[in-house]
């Protein structure tokens, strides 16, 4: 049986000035590109246009799914927060706002321990920070549409994914992603209050020197005992991983079979190594279609559940999956 285990994460993204490309298991202190070898360095202007950083949190339970992101695009910043009511199958809150990088939007290099991301805008304040005493991430959202106070427990989490890889038209990208994290807290939207103490969350901390034109398909779902992250696009197979009973397993190339014109129809997501084969049934979606000339964003992010089979290695017994809450995404950007 072939091994699909991931090696332990390195102490830093760079080794002798060169990105340590690969997939790893474990925390890294910082996603930091300072110290690149001269052949990989670019001008200040290039970095301003191509350096992208973000923190994203997705969390949900039987009642709701919530997505929150703070993004530093280099030349601008943005944030969004939405709450999808799974029983009514509609968005109760869908907020986004742009801001000045460094002033209104800030994303630090620490992905988990020491994490610090914030956004301040008109009538809005979002923050993600690390509580070292309890090893928890604190997420706070205050917007006209959504208020949220939550803590995400890192203490007993499975080893997170660290992926580092080259980028066509850019230099390199790195991402630290967790699987299921217990949640404590609450959210309010449309005059309703939702308890989140039975929710599960996943964190995506990413930092890349990317091409300005970028496209991807993505799927992510996490619960106790099983979770996964898949991408088909600018990052190749680097971030494809399955968590089974607390162990991260590397996956092959992802396939997304869906009708882009009808994204609320079922999707099929699978990997070419046969370790994951799931059908995604959407319940609703958040979408954006912005064209600003020098920048654009076109995407749809359905919320729903996955069902099918996964396995830890070729030839291993299959694990049945059903009702696993998560999202898919079809996204293209000029940023």
Foldseek 3Di string as FASTA:
>chain_A
DDAQFFAADDQAQDDQQAGPAAKHFAFYFFPDNPRHDPVQDDDPVLCLQFKKWKKWKWKDDPFKIKIWMWIDNNQWTKIWIWIAGLVVLGTLFTDMDIGGEPPQWDWGGGQFQQGWTWGDDDQWIWIWGADVVQSWIWTFITHPFKTWTKIWHPPPFFGWMWGKDQFVQWGIKIKTKTAWTQMAIWMDGPRDIGGRRRMTMMMITMIGRYHLKWWKKWKWFHDQQKIWIAIDTRGFQRRGWIAGNRGIGRFAHKDWDDDPVCRQCKIWIDGPQGFDTKIWHFSHWDWDFDDDPQKTKGKIKTWTAIWDWGARHVPGDIDTDTRTTIIMMTIIMRD
